[in-house]
Amino acid sequence: MKPVFRRAVADQDAEGIIDYYLEQAGENVALKFVDALQLAYARIARQPAAGSPRHAHALGIPGPRTWPVHGFPYRVFYFEQADSIDVWRVLHERRDIPAHLQDPNN
């Protein structure tokens, strides 16, 4: 198992999603999202190569993988390092993924 390190922008993504669910769907849904996100991080830690490399070609860089946040339309975008996992973003599946990964202010 590798430790998972989240970039600040990934934490900001997650906080924004949680705030959205708190406001729009209530505390129970927000807590379910938090649980699903924690399960996604745990799965990535155990089996980082299991994530999809689909966006690597669109980004033109080797190595990015994604893992779904089950039950929600979000994916964790990460890179496997030799001794850790580097989580870049937590993004909605319908966003312009390449643009969001290249510009964290998007």
C-alpha atoms as a PDB file:
ATOM      1  CA  MET A   1       0.000   0.000   0.000  1.00  0.00           C
ATOM      2  CA  LYS A   2       1.298   3.429  -0.960  1.00  0.00           C
ATOM      3  CA  PRO A   3       0.536   6.636   0.918  1.00  0.00           C
ATOM      4  CA  VAL A   4      -1.832   9.005  -0.855  1.00  0.00           C
ATOM      5  CA  PHE A   5      -0.834  12.663  -0.970  1.00  0.00           C
ATOM      6  CA  ARG A   6      -3.458  15.141  -2.154  1.00  0.00           C
ATOM      7  CA  ARG A   7      -2.528  18.433  -3.748  1.00  0.00           C
ATOM      8  CA  ALA A   8      -4.189  21.502  -2.270  1.00  0.00           C
ATOM      9  CA  VAL A   9      -6.308  21.936  -5.396  1.00  0.00           C
ATOM     10  CA  ALA A  10      -7.640  18.367  -5.023  1.00  0.00           C
ATOM     11  CA  ASP A  11      -8.695  19.165  -1.466  1.00  0.00           C
ATOM     12  CA  GLN A  12     -10.317  22.384  -2.723  1.00  0.00           C
ATOM     13  CA  ASP A  13     -12.192  20.351  -5.337  1.00  0.00           C
ATOM     14  CA  ALA A  14     -13.462  17.947  -2.669  1.00  0.00           C
ATOM     15  CA  GLU A  15     -14.453  20.770  -0.306  1.00  0.00           C
ATOM     16  CA  GLY A  16     -16.408  22.475  -3.084  1.00  0.00           C
ATOM     17  CA  ILE A  17     -18.218  19.247  -3.911  1.00  0.00           C
ATOM     18  CA  ILE A  18     -19.049  18.650  -0.251  1.00  0.00           C
ATOM     19  CA  ASP A  19     -20.343  22.218   0.102  1.00  0.00           C
ATOM     20  CA  TYR A  20     -22.481  21.739  -3.003  1.00  0.00           C
ATOM     21  CA  TYR A  21     -24.020  18.542  -1.673  1.00  0.00           C
ATOM     22  CA  LEU A  22     -24.609  20.088   1.757  1.00  0.00           C
ATOM     23  CA  GLU A  23     -26.457  22.977   0.149  1.00  0.00           C
ATOM     24  CA  GLN A  24     -28.316  21.119  -2.596  1.00  0.00           C
ATOM     25  CA  ALA A  25     -28.902  17.605  -1.239  1.00  0.00           C
ATOM     26  CA  GLY A  26     -28.327  17.683   2.499  1.00  0.00           C
ATOM     27  CA  GLU A  27     -25.933  16.322   5.058  1.00  0.00           C
ATOM     28  CA  ASN A  28     -26.593  12.617   4.382  1.00  0.00           C
ATOM     29  CA  VAL A  29     -25.615  12.909   0.717  1.00  0.00           C
ATOM     30  CA  ALA A  30     -22.556  15.017   1.574  1.00  0.00           C
ATOM     31  CA  LEU A  31     -21.432  12.389   4.099  1.00  0.00           C
ATOM     32  CA  LYS A  32     -21.982   9.612   1.550  1.00  0.00           C
ATOM     33  CA  PHE A  33     -19.746  11.518  -0.861  1.00  0.00           C
ATOM     34  CA  VAL A  34     -17.029  11.849   1.806  1.00  0.00           C
ATOM     35  CA  ASP A  35     -17.226   8.099   2.472  1.00  0.00           C
ATOM     36  CA  ALA A  36     -17.097   7.262  -1.251  1.00  0.00           C
ATOM     37  CA  LEU A  37     -14.115   9.572  -1.752  1.00  0.00           C
ATOM     38  CA  GLN A  38     -12.247   7.954   1.157  1.00  0.00           C
ATOM     39  CA  LEU A  39     -12.953   4.516  -0.344  1.00  0.00           C
ATOM     40  CA  ALA A  40     -11.604   5.734  -3.697  1.00  0.00           C
ATOM     41  CA  TYR A  41      -8.396   6.937  -2.032  1.00  0.00           C
ATOM     42  CA  ALA A  42      -8.038   3.609  -0.215  1.00  0.00           C
ATOM     43  CA  ARG A  43      -8.494   1.648  -3.442  1.00  0.00           C
ATOM     44  CA  ILE A  44      -5.917   3.795  -5.231  1.00  0.00           C
ATOM     45  CA  ALA A  45      -3.474   3.225  -2.354  1.00  0.00           C
ATOM     46  CA  ARG A  46      -3.915  -0.546  -2.603  1.00  0.00           C
ATOM     47  CA  GLN A  47      -3.994  -0.903  -6.388  1.00  0.00           C
ATOM     48  CA  PRO A  48      -2.829   2.257  -8.147  1.00  0.00           C
ATOM     49  CA  ALA A  49      -2.441   0.553 -11.520  1.00  0.00           C
ATOM     50  CA  ALA A  50      -6.147  -0.343 -11.529  1.00  0.00           C
ATOM     51  CA  GLY A  51      -7.128   3.223 -12.444  1.00  0.00           C
ATOM     52  CA  SER A  52      -7.988   4.141 -16.005  1.00  0.00           C
ATOM     53  CA  PRO A  53      -5.215   5.754 -18.121  1.00  0.00           C
ATOM     54  CA  ARG A  54      -7.803   7.103 -20.598  1.00  0.00           C
ATOM     55  CA  HIS A  55      -6.933  10.795 -20.206  1.00  0.00           C
ATOM     56  CA  ALA A  56      -3.175  10.351 -20.653  1.00  0.00           C
ATOM     57  CA  HIS A  57      -3.431  10.634 -24.432  1.00  0.00           C
ATOM     58  CA  ALA A  58      -5.651  13.741 -24.345  1.00  0.00           C
ATOM     59  CA  LEU A  59      -3.235  15.442 -21.964  1.00  0.00           C
ATOM     60  CA  GLY A  60      -0.156  14.433 -23.901  1.00  0.00           C
ATOM     61  CA  ILE A  61       1.647  13.337 -20.735  1.00  0.00           C
ATOM     62  CA  PRO A  62       2.349   9.826 -19.537  1.00  0.00           C
ATOM     63  CA  GLY A  63       1.018   8.432 -16.330  1.00  0.00           C
ATOM     64  CA  PRO A  64      -2.214  10.074 -15.233  1.00  0.00           C
ATOM     65  CA  ARG A  65      -4.894   7.664 -14.073  1.00  0.00           C
ATOM     66  CA  THR A  66      -8.428   8.076 -12.792  1.00  0.00           C
ATOM     67  CA  TRP A  67     -10.609   6.236 -10.328  1.00  0.00           C
ATOM     68  CA  PRO A  68     -14.364   6.793  -9.937  1.00  0.00           C
ATOM     69  CA  VAL A  69     -15.984   8.048  -6.771  1.00  0.00           C
ATOM     70  CA  HIS A  70     -18.655   5.339  -6.762  1.00  0.00           C
ATOM     71  CA  GLY A  71     -22.203   6.574  -6.613  1.00  0.00           C
ATOM     72  CA  PHE A  72     -21.227  10.088  -7.696  1.00  0.00           C
ATOM     73  CA  PRO A  73     -20.286  11.623 -11.070  1.00  0.00           C
ATOM     74  CA  TYR A  74     -16.717  12.416  -9.979  1.00  0.00           C
ATOM     75  CA  ARG A  75     -13.309  10.923 -10.657  1.00  0.00           C
ATOM     76  CA  VAL A  76     -10.015  11.131  -8.770  1.00  0.00           C
ATOM     77  CA  PHE A  77      -7.116  12.071 -11.056  1.00  0.00           C
ATOM     78  CA  TYR A  78      -3.733  10.878  -9.844  1.00  0.00           C
ATOM     79  CA  PHE A  79      -0.204   9.832 -10.703  1.00  0.00           C
ATOM     80  CA  GLU A  80       1.509   6.811  -9.239  1.00  0.00           C
ATOM     81  CA  GLN A  81       4.991   7.650  -7.989  1.00  0.00           C
ATOM     82  CA  ALA A  82       7.629   5.105  -6.945  1.00  0.00           C
ATOM     83  CA  ASP A  83       6.673   5.344  -3.276  1.00  0.00           C
ATOM     84  CA  SER A  84       3.375   7.254  -3.175  1.00  0.00           C
ATOM     85  CA  ILE A  85       0.233   8.380  -4.973  1.00  0.00           C
ATOM     86  CA  ASP A  86      -0.028  12.020  -6.076  1.00  0.00           C
ATOM     87  CA  VAL A  87      -3.702  13.087  -6.298  1.00  0.00           C
ATOM     88  CA  TRP A  88      -4.041  16.064  -8.625  1.00  0.00           C
ATOM     89  CA  ARG A  89      -7.783  16.713  -8.832  1.00  0.00           C
ATOM     90  CA  VAL A  90     -11.269  15.455  -8.024  1.00  0.00           C
ATOM     91  CA  LEU A  91     -13.388  16.453 -11.022  1.00  0.00           C
ATOM     92  CA  HIS A  92     -16.881  15.973 -12.384  1.00  0.00           C
ATOM     93  CA  GLU A  93     -16.913  13.453 -15.216  1.00  0.00           C
ATOM     94  CA  ARG A  94     -18.542  15.920 -17.619  1.00  0.00           C
ATOM     95  CA  ARG A  95     -16.027  18.731 -17.251  1.00  0.00           C
ATOM     96  CA  ASP A  96     -13.412  19.554 -19.853  1.00  0.00           C
ATOM     97  CA  ILE A  97     -10.906  17.295 -18.127  1.00  0.00           C
ATOM     98  CA  PRO A  98      -7.759  18.283 -20.085  1.00  0.00           C
ATOM     99  CA  ALA A  99      -8.420  21.979 -19.475  1.00  0.00           C
ATOM    100  CA  HIS A 100      -8.974  21.450 -15.746  1.00  0.00           C
ATOM    101  CA  LEU A 101      -5.869  19.339 -15.311  1.00  0.00           C
ATOM    102  CA  GLN A 102      -3.655  21.782 -17.164  1.00  0.00           C
ATOM    103  CA  ASP A 103      -5.007  24.856 -15.372  1.00  0.00           C
ATOM    104  CA  PRO A 104      -5.868  24.273 -11.706  1.00  0.00           C
ATOM    105  CA  ASN A 105      -7.700  27.628 -11.579  1.00  0.00           C
ATOM    106  CA  ASN A 106     -10.339  26.236 -13.933  1.00  0.00           C
END
